[in-house]
Amino acid sequence: MKKISYIVLALIAIFVNSTAYAAEARIPTTTSITQAMQSARSKENFADLKNVKFDVEKKVYIVSYLTKSGDLETLKISKLSGEEIK
């Protein structure tokens, strides 16, 4: 009887933990790569997207794009705040 109750308690604990992690995962706390590309596309001189990289150490998206004049511009967007880094 003790073994069965321990097994049931363990299963309930696993279920409660997994439910808590799932609820926490639904809350967006960071910027996604699509949001970083959208901020590059919203620039007034944007013409064509060239390259998007993610710097793991600095937690920064590096977005390269062509301007309407033909120049290559680079944006650095923070993954944590979603703001452009100068």
PDB file of N, CA and C in Angstrom:
ATOM      1  N   MET A   1       0.821  -1.191   0.000  1.00  0.00           N
ATOM      2  CA  MET A   1       0.000   0.000   0.000  1.00  0.00           C
ATOM      3  C   MET A   1       0.870   1.262   0.000  1.00  0.00           C
ATOM      4  N   LYS A   2       1.993   1.235   0.757  1.00  0.00           N
ATOM      5  CA  LYS A   2       2.880   2.395   0.802  1.00  0.00           C
ATOM      6  C   LYS A   2       3.484   2.675  -0.567  1.00  0.00           C
ATOM      7  N   LYS A   3       3.872   1.601  -1.261  1.00  0.00           N
ATOM      8  CA  LYS A   3       4.491   1.779  -2.571  1.00  0.00           C
ATOM      9  C   LYS A   3       3.528   2.436  -3.551  1.00  0.00           C
ATOM     10  N   ILE A   4       2.286   2.024  -3.523  1.00  0.00           N
ATOM     11  CA  ILE A   4       1.284   2.586  -4.430  1.00  0.00           C
ATOM     12  C   ILE A   4       1.056   4.063  -4.125  1.00  0.00           C
ATOM     13  N   SER A   5       0.982   4.420  -2.860  1.00  0.00           N
ATOM     14  CA  SER A   5       0.767   5.828  -2.514  1.00  0.00           C
ATOM     15  C   SER A   5       1.978   6.683  -2.882  1.00  0.00           C
ATOM     16  N   TYR A   6       3.201   6.139  -2.745  1.00  0.00           N
ATOM     17  CA  TYR A   6       4.396   6.884  -3.165  1.00  0.00           C
ATOM     18  C   TYR A   6       4.411   7.094  -4.681  1.00  0.00           C
ATOM     19  N   ILE A   7       4.013   6.077  -5.414  1.00  0.00           N
ATOM     20  CA  ILE A   7       3.966   6.188  -6.877  1.00  0.00           C
ATOM     21  C   ILE A   7       2.928   7.231  -7.298  1.00  0.00           C
ATOM     22  N   VAL A   8       1.777   7.215  -6.665  1.00  0.00           N
ATOM     23  CA  VAL A   8       0.714   8.184  -6.983  1.00  0.00           C
ATOM     24  C   VAL A   8       1.182   9.598  -6.652  1.00  0.00           C
ATOM     25  N   LEU A   9       1.825   9.793  -5.504  1.00  0.00           N
ATOM     26  CA  LEU A   9       2.342  11.115  -5.142  1.00  0.00           C
ATOM     27  C   LEU A   9       3.414  11.590  -6.118  1.00  0.00           C
ATOM     28  N   ALA A  10       4.271  10.685  -6.555  1.00  0.00           N
ATOM     29  CA  ALA A  10       5.311  11.050  -7.526  1.00  0.00           C
ATOM     30  C   ALA A  10       4.694  11.465  -8.856  1.00  0.00           C
ATOM     31  N   LEU A  11       3.694  10.749  -9.308  1.00  0.00           N
ATOM     32  CA  LEU A  11       3.021  11.100 -10.565  1.00  0.00           C
ATOM     33  C   LEU A  11       2.305  12.441 -10.454  1.00  0.00           C
ATOM     34  N   ILE A  12       1.692  12.709  -9.335  1.00  0.00           N
ATOM     35  CA  ILE A  12       1.022  14.002  -9.134  1.00  0.00           C
ATOM     36  C   ILE A  12       2.052  15.131  -9.137  1.00  0.00           C
ATOM     37  N   ALA A  13       3.198  14.916  -8.504  1.00  0.00           N
ATOM     38  CA  ALA A  13       4.255  15.937  -8.473  1.00  0.00           C
ATOM     39  C   ALA A  13       4.785  16.210  -9.875  1.00  0.00           C
ATOM     40  N   ILE A  14       4.970  15.171 -10.656  1.00  0.00           N
ATOM     41  CA  ILE A  14       5.443  15.357 -12.033  1.00  0.00           C
ATOM     42  C   ILE A  14       4.409  16.137 -12.847  1.00  0.00           C
ATOM     43  N   PHE A  15       3.153  15.813 -12.699  1.00  0.00           N
ATOM     44  CA  PHE A  15       2.096  16.509 -13.429  1.00  0.00           C
ATOM     45  C   PHE A  15       2.038  17.985 -13.042  1.00  0.00           C
ATOM     46  N   VAL A  16       2.136  18.291 -11.762  1.00  0.00           N
ATOM     47  CA  VAL A  16       2.078  19.681 -11.297  1.00  0.00           C
ATOM     48  C   VAL A  16       3.282  20.462 -11.812  1.00  0.00           C
ATOM     49  N   ASN A  17       4.474  19.863 -11.769  1.00  0.00           N
ATOM     50  CA  ASN A  17       5.670  20.536 -12.276  1.00  0.00           C
ATOM     51  C   ASN A  17       5.571  20.808 -13.766  1.00  0.00           C
ATOM     52  N   SER A  18       5.135  19.819 -14.549  1.00  0.00           N
ATOM     53  CA  SER A  18       5.054  20.010 -15.996  1.00  0.00           C
ATOM     54  C   SER A  18       4.004  21.052 -16.355  1.00  0.00           C
ATOM     55  N   THR A  19       2.917  21.112 -15.605  1.00  0.00           N
ATOM     56  CA  THR A  19       1.886  22.117 -15.851  1.00  0.00           C
ATOM     57  C   THR A  19       2.421  23.513 -15.534  1.00  0.00           C
ATOM     58  N   ALA A  20       3.195  23.649 -14.472  1.00  0.00           N
ATOM     59  CA  ALA A  20       3.765  24.950 -14.117  1.00  0.00           C
ATOM     60  C   ALA A  20       4.763  25.411 -15.166  1.00  0.00           C
ATOM     61  N   TYR A  21       5.594  24.494 -15.675  1.00  0.00           N
ATOM     62  CA  TYR A  21       6.546  24.868 -16.724  1.00  0.00           C
ATOM     63  C   TYR A  21       5.825  25.255 -18.009  1.00  0.00           C
ATOM     64  N   ALA A  22       4.752  24.577 -18.327  1.00  0.00           N
ATOM     65  CA  ALA A  22       4.005  24.897 -19.545  1.00  0.00           C
ATOM     66  C   ALA A  22       3.360  26.274 -19.438  1.00  0.00           C
ATOM     67  N   ALA A  23       2.840  26.606 -18.284  1.00  0.00           N
ATOM     68  CA  ALA A  23       2.240  27.928 -18.092  1.00  0.00           C
ATOM     69  C   ALA A  23       3.294  29.015 -18.161  1.00  0.00           C
ATOM     70  N   GLU A  24       4.480  28.741 -17.649  1.00  0.00           N
ATOM     71  CA  GLU A  24       5.562  29.707 -17.684  1.00  0.00           C
ATOM     72  C   GLU A  24       6.087  29.892 -19.097  1.00  0.00           C
ATOM     73  N   ALA A  25       6.073  28.835 -19.893  1.00  0.00           N
ATOM     74  CA  ALA A  25       6.590  28.911 -21.259  1.00  0.00           C
ATOM     75  C   ALA A  25       5.701  29.745 -22.162  1.00  0.00           C
ATOM     76  N   ARG A  26       4.449  29.933 -21.816  1.00  0.00           N
ATOM     77  CA  ARG A  26       3.534  30.711 -22.652  1.00  0.00           C
ATOM     78  C   ARG A  26       3.783  32.207 -22.561  1.00  0.00           C
ATOM     79  N   ILE A  27       4.465  32.649 -21.530  1.00  0.00           N
ATOM     80  CA  ILE A  27       4.695  34.076 -21.326  1.00  0.00           C
ATOM     81  C   ILE A  27       5.918  34.503 -22.137  1.00  0.00           C
ATOM     82  N   PRO A  28       5.740  35.325 -23.189  1.00  0.00           N
ATOM     83  CA  PRO A  28       6.892  35.737 -23.991  1.00  0.00           C
ATOM     84  C   PRO A  28       7.703  36.808 -23.256  1.00  0.00           C
ATOM     85  N   THR A  29       8.928  36.492 -22.935  1.00  0.00           N
ATOM     86  CA  THR A  29       9.780  37.448 -22.232  1.00  0.00           C
ATOM     87  C   THR A  29      10.930  37.921 -23.094  1.00  0.00           C
ATOM     88  N   THR A  30      11.067  37.379 -24.278  1.00  0.00           N
ATOM     89  CA  THR A  30      12.171  37.764 -25.140  1.00  0.00           C
ATOM     90  C   THR A  30      11.650  38.103 -26.536  1.00  0.00           C
ATOM     91  N   THR A  31      12.527  38.670 -27.321  1.00  0.00           N
ATOM     92  CA  THR A  31      12.219  39.038 -28.694  1.00  0.00           C
ATOM     93  C   THR A  31      12.521  37.857 -29.617  1.00  0.00           C
ATOM     94  N   SER A  32      11.616  37.535 -30.514  1.00  0.00           N
ATOM     95  CA  SER A  32      11.859  36.452 -31.459  1.00  0.00           C
ATOM     96  C   SER A  32      12.593  36.981 -32.680  1.00  0.00           C
ATOM     97  N   ILE A  33      13.086  36.063 -33.482  1.00  0.00           N
ATOM     98  CA  ILE A  33      13.832  36.456 -34.682  1.00  0.00           C
ATOM     99  C   ILE A  33      12.906  37.139 -35.692  1.00  0.00           C
ATOM    100  N   THR A  34      11.639  36.761 -35.735  1.00  0.00           N
ATOM    101  CA  THR A  34      10.710  37.415 -36.660  1.00  0.00           C
ATOM    102  C   THR A  34      10.446  38.860 -36.243  1.00  0.00           C
ATOM    103  N   GLN A  35      10.409  39.113 -34.935  1.00  0.00           N
ATOM    104  CA  GLN A  35      10.236  40.486 -34.469  1.00  0.00           C
ATOM    105  C   GLN A  35      11.466  41.322 -34.809  1.00  0.00           C
ATOM    106  N   ALA A  36      12.654  40.721 -34.736  1.00  0.00           N
ATOM    107  CA  ALA A  36      13.884  41.435 -35.091  1.00  0.00           C
ATOM    108  C   ALA A  36      13.886  41.775 -36.578  1.00  0.00           C
ATOM    109  N   MET A  37      13.434  40.843 -37.418  1.00  0.00           N
ATOM    110  CA  MET A  37      13.370  41.114 -38.859  1.00  0.00           C
ATOM    111  C   MET A  37      12.310  42.172 -39.165  1.00  0.00           C
ATOM    112  N   GLN A  38      11.209  42.173 -38.428  1.00  0.00           N
ATOM    113  CA  GLN A  38      10.166  43.184 -38.625  1.00  0.00           C
ATOM    114  C   GLN A  38      10.692  44.583 -38.311  1.00  0.00           C
ATOM    115  N   SER A  39      11.510  44.710 -37.283  1.00  0.00           N
ATOM    116  CA  SER A  39      12.038  46.037 -36.969  1.00  0.00           C
ATOM    117  C   SER A  39      13.009  46.506 -38.046  1.00  0.00           C
ATOM    118  N   ALA A  40      13.709  45.598 -38.706  1.00  0.00           N
ATOM    119  CA  ALA A  40      14.573  45.982 -39.825  1.00  0.00           C
ATOM    120  C   ALA A  40      13.723  46.398 -41.028  1.00  0.00           C
ATOM    121  N   ARG A  41      12.647  45.667 -41.274  1.00  0.00           N
ATOM    122  CA  ARG A  41      11.772  45.987 -42.408  1.00  0.00           C
ATOM    123  C   ARG A  41      11.021  47.299 -42.200  1.00  0.00           C
ATOM    124  N   SER A  42      10.873  47.721 -40.972  1.00  0.00           N
ATOM    125  CA  SER A  42      10.146  48.962 -40.712  1.00  0.00           C
ATOM    126  C   SER A  42      11.005  50.201 -40.932  1.00  0.00           C
ATOM    127  N   LYS A  43      12.289  50.028 -41.192  1.00  0.00           N
ATOM    128  CA  LYS A  43      13.149  51.173 -41.500  1.00  0.00           C
ATOM    129  C   LYS A  43      12.709  51.792 -42.819  1.00  0.00           C
ATOM    130  N   GLU A  44      12.786  53.116 -42.911  1.00  0.00           N
ATOM    131  CA  GLU A  44      12.274  53.793 -44.110  1.00  0.00           C
ATOM    132  C   GLU A  44      13.129  53.556 -45.350  1.00  0.00           C
ATOM    133  N   ASN A  45      14.418  53.190 -45.169  1.00  0.00           N
ATOM    134  CA  ASN A  45      15.279  52.977 -46.338  1.00  0.00           C
ATOM    135  C   ASN A  45      15.484  51.485 -46.633  1.00  0.00           C
ATOM    136  N   PHE A  46      14.669  50.600 -46.059  1.00  0.00           N
ATOM    137  CA  PHE A  46      14.792  49.157 -46.259  1.00  0.00           C
ATOM    138  C   PHE A  46      14.422  48.769 -47.681  1.00  0.00           C
ATOM    139  N   ALA A  47      15.267  47.925 -48.312  1.00  0.00           N
ATOM    140  CA  ALA A  47      14.964  47.428 -49.648  1.00  0.00           C
ATOM    141  C   ALA A  47      14.917  45.902 -49.684  1.00  0.00           C
ATOM    142  N   ASP A  48      15.957  45.231 -49.129  1.00  0.00           N
ATOM    143  CA  ASP A  48      16.020  43.778 -49.200  1.00  0.00           C
ATOM    144  C   ASP A  48      16.789  43.223 -47.995  1.00  0.00           C
ATOM    145  N   LEU A  49      16.265  42.150 -47.423  1.00  0.00           N
ATOM    146  CA  LEU A  49      16.915  41.502 -46.288  1.00  0.00           C
ATOM    147  C   LEU A  49      18.045  40.616 -46.800  1.00  0.00           C
ATOM    148  N   LYS A  50      19.223  40.750 -46.209  1.00  0.00           N
ATOM    149  CA  LYS A  50      20.366  39.968 -46.652  1.00  0.00           C
ATOM    150  C   LYS A  50      20.718  38.827 -45.711  1.00  0.00           C
ATOM    151  N   ASN A  51      20.868  39.120 -44.413  1.00  0.00           N
ATOM    152  CA  ASN A  51      21.380  38.117 -43.504  1.00  0.00           C
ATOM    153  C   ASN A  51      20.878  38.388 -42.087  1.00  0.00           C
ATOM    154  N   VAL A  52      20.597  37.321 -41.348  1.00  0.00           N
ATOM    155  CA  VAL A  52      20.223  37.449 -39.936  1.00  0.00           C
ATOM    156  C   VAL A  52      21.031  36.428 -39.156  1.00  0.00           C
ATOM    157  N   LYS A  53      21.739  36.902 -38.136  1.00  0.00           N
ATOM    158  CA  LYS A  53      22.536  36.023 -37.283  1.00  0.00           C
ATOM    159  C   LYS A  53      22.156  36.283 -35.831  1.00  0.00           C
ATOM    160  N   PHE A  54      22.489  35.325 -34.977  1.00  0.00           N
ATOM    161  CA  PHE A  54      22.259  35.487 -33.544  1.00  0.00           C
ATOM    162  C   PHE A  54      23.569  35.277 -32.813  1.00  0.00           C
ATOM    163  N   ASP A  55      24.001  36.281 -32.045  1.00  0.00           N
ATOM    164  CA  ASP A  55      25.203  36.192 -31.231  1.00  0.00           C
ATOM    165  C   ASP A  55      24.792  35.662 -29.859  1.00  0.00           C
ATOM    166  N   VAL A  56      25.195  34.432 -29.557  1.00  0.00           N
ATOM    167  CA  VAL A  56      24.769  33.760 -28.334  1.00  0.00           C
ATOM    168  C   VAL A  56      25.361  34.432 -27.100  1.00  0.00           C
ATOM    169  N   GLU A  57      26.626  34.830 -27.165  1.00  0.00           N
ATOM    170  CA  GLU A  57      27.284  35.429 -26.002  1.00  0.00           C
ATOM    171  C   GLU A  57      26.659  36.754 -25.598  1.00  0.00           C
ATOM    172  N   LYS A  58      26.376  37.605 -26.579  1.00  0.00           N
ATOM    173  CA  LYS A  58      25.827  38.931 -26.291  1.00  0.00           C
ATOM    174  C   LYS A  58      24.304  38.959 -26.312  1.00  0.00           C
ATOM    175  N   LYS A  59      23.674  37.865 -26.753  1.00  0.00           N
ATOM    176  CA  LYS A  59      22.214  37.759 -26.884  1.00  0.00           C
ATOM    177  C   LYS A  59      21.665  38.889 -27.743  1.00  0.00           C
ATOM    178  N   VAL A  60      22.226  38.961 -28.960  1.00  0.00           N
ATOM    179  CA  VAL A  60      21.887  40.032 -29.896  1.00  0.00           C
ATOM    180  C   VAL A  60      21.628  39.436 -31.272  1.00  0.00           C
ATOM    181  N   TYR A  61      20.555  39.903 -31.931  1.00  0.00           N
ATOM    182  CA  TYR A  61      20.313  39.569 -33.330  1.00  0.00           C
ATOM    183  C   TYR A  61      21.063  40.579 -34.180  1.00  0.00           C
ATOM    184  N   ILE A  62      21.776  40.086 -35.189  1.00  0.00           N
ATOM    185  CA  ILE A  62      22.484  40.963 -36.121  1.00  0.00           C
ATOM    186  C   ILE A  62      21.794  40.813 -37.476  1.00  0.00           C
ATOM    187  N   VAL A  63      21.123  41.880 -37.893  1.00  0.00           N
ATOM    188  CA  VAL A  63      20.332  41.866 -39.119  1.00  0.00           C
ATOM    189  C   VAL A  63      21.009  42.758 -40.148  1.00  0.00           C
ATOM    190  N   SER A  64      21.359  42.185 -41.300  1.00  0.00           N
ATOM    191  CA  SER A  64      21.952  42.952 -42.396  1.00  0.00           C
ATOM    192  C   SER A  64      20.921  43.091 -43.516  1.00  0.00           C
ATOM    193  N   TYR A  65      20.830  44.306 -44.067  1.00  0.00           N
ATOM    194  CA  TYR A  65      19.864  44.536 -45.142  1.00  0.00           C
ATOM    195  C   TYR A  65      20.401  45.573 -46.113  1.00  0.00           C
ATOM    196  N   LEU A  66      19.878  45.533 -47.333  1.00  0.00           N
ATOM    197  CA  LEU A  66      20.225  46.522 -48.353  1.00  0.00           C
ATOM    198  C   LEU A  66      19.276  47.706 -48.246  1.00  0.00           C
ATOM    199  N   THR A  67      19.830  48.887 -48.415  1.00  0.00           N
ATOM    200  CA  THR A  67      18.999  50.084 -48.421  1.00  0.00           C
ATOM    201  C   THR A  67      18.561  50.382 -49.856  1.00  0.00           C
ATOM    202  N   LYS A  68      17.681  51.336 -49.995  1.00  0.00           N
ATOM    203  CA  LYS A  68      17.194  51.713 -51.324  1.00  0.00           C
ATOM    204  C   LYS A  68      18.300  52.317 -52.180  1.00  0.00           C
ATOM    205  N   SER A  69      19.315  52.885 -51.543  1.00  0.00           N
ATOM    206  CA  SER A  69      20.443  53.452 -52.291  1.00  0.00           C
ATOM    207  C   SER A  69      21.494  52.407 -52.629  1.00  0.00           C
ATOM    208  N   GLY A  70      21.351  51.171 -52.148  1.00  0.00           N
ATOM    209  CA  GLY A  70      22.272  50.093 -52.475  1.00  0.00           C
ATOM    210  C   GLY A  70      23.325  49.835 -51.413  1.00  0.00           C
ATOM    211  N   ASP A  71      23.296  50.553 -50.324  1.00  0.00           N
ATOM    212  CA  ASP A  71      24.257  50.340 -49.244  1.00  0.00           C
ATOM    213  C   ASP A  71      23.825  49.160 -48.377  1.00  0.00           C
ATOM    214  N   LEU A  72      24.797  48.587 -47.679  1.00  0.00           N
ATOM    215  CA  LEU A  72      24.514  47.499 -46.759  1.00  0.00           C
ATOM    216  C   LEU A  72      24.513  48.046 -45.339  1.00  0.00           C
ATOM    217  N   GLU A  73      23.380  47.922 -44.657  1.00  0.00           N
ATOM    218  CA  GLU A  73      23.232  48.400 -43.276  1.00  0.00           C
ATOM    219  C   GLU A  73      23.144  47.199 -42.339  1.00  0.00           C
ATOM    220  N   THR A  74      23.591  47.390 -41.105  1.00  0.00           N
ATOM    221  CA  THR A  74      23.534  46.337 -40.099  1.00  0.00           C
ATOM    222  C   THR A  74      22.860  46.871 -38.846  1.00  0.00           C
ATOM    223  N   LEU A  75      21.880  46.119 -38.353  1.00  0.00           N
ATOM    224  CA  LEU A  75      21.197  46.446 -37.103  1.00  0.00           C
ATOM    225  C   LEU A  75      21.572  45.415 -36.053  1.00  0.00           C
ATOM    226  N   LYS A  76      21.726  45.872 -34.824  1.00  0.00           N
ATOM    227  CA  LYS A  76      21.905  44.959 -33.703  1.00  0.00           C
ATOM    228  C   LYS A  76      20.705  45.156 -32.784  1.00  0.00           C
ATOM    229  N   ILE A  77      19.952  44.069 -32.575  1.00  0.00           N
ATOM    230  CA  ILE A  77      18.739  44.142 -31.775  1.00  0.00           C
ATOM    231  C   ILE A  77      18.875  43.193 -30.595  1.00  0.00           C
ATOM    232  N   SER A  78      18.665  43.721 -29.403  1.00  0.00           N
ATOM    233  CA  SER A  78      18.780  42.926 -28.186  1.00  0.00           C
ATOM    234  C   SER A  78      17.638  41.922 -28.104  1.00  0.00           C
ATOM    235  N   LYS A  79      17.978  40.683 -27.764  1.00  0.00           N
ATOM    236  CA  LYS A  79      16.956  39.652 -27.614  1.00  0.00           C
ATOM    237  C   LYS A  79      16.137  39.888 -26.354  1.00  0.00           C
ATOM    238  N   LEU A  80      16.753  40.451 -25.330  1.00  0.00           N
ATOM    239  CA  LEU A  80      16.065  40.635 -24.058  1.00  0.00           C
ATOM    240  C   LEU A  80      15.091  41.800 -24.070  1.00  0.00           C
ATOM    241  N   SER A  81      15.521  42.945 -24.624  1.00  0.00           N
ATOM    242  CA  SER A  81      14.653  44.122 -24.587  1.00  0.00           C
ATOM    243  C   SER A  81      13.929  44.370 -25.914  1.00  0.00           C
ATOM    244  N   GLY A  82      14.454  43.855 -27.014  1.00  0.00           N
ATOM    245  CA  GLY A  82      13.837  44.076 -28.322  1.00  0.00           C
ATOM    246  C   GLY A  82      14.179  45.424 -28.925  1.00  0.00           C
ATOM    247  N   GLU A  83      15.092  46.160 -28.301  1.00  0.00           N
ATOM    248  CA  GLU A  83      15.461  47.473 -28.788  1.00  0.00           C
ATOM    249  C   GLU A  83      16.768  47.420 -29.573  1.00  0.00           C
ATOM    250  N   GLU A  84      16.902  48.377 -30.471  1.00  0.00           N
ATOM    251  CA  GLU A  84      18.108  48.474 -31.285  1.00  0.00           C
ATOM    252  C   GLU A  84      19.281  48.933 -30.439  1.00  0.00           C
ATOM    253  N   ILE A  85      20.427  48.275 -30.639  1.00  0.00           N
ATOM    254  CA  ILE A  85      21.651  48.638 -29.925  1.00  0.00           C
ATOM    255  C   ILE A  85      22.525  49.440 -30.881  1.00  0.00           C
ATOM    256  N   LYS A  86      22.967  50.583 -30.420  1.00  0.00           N
ATOM    257  CA  LYS A  86      23.817  51.439 -31.267  1.00  0.00           C
ATOM    258  C   LYS A  86      25.253  51.007 -31.212  1.00  0.00           C
TER     259      LYS A  86
END
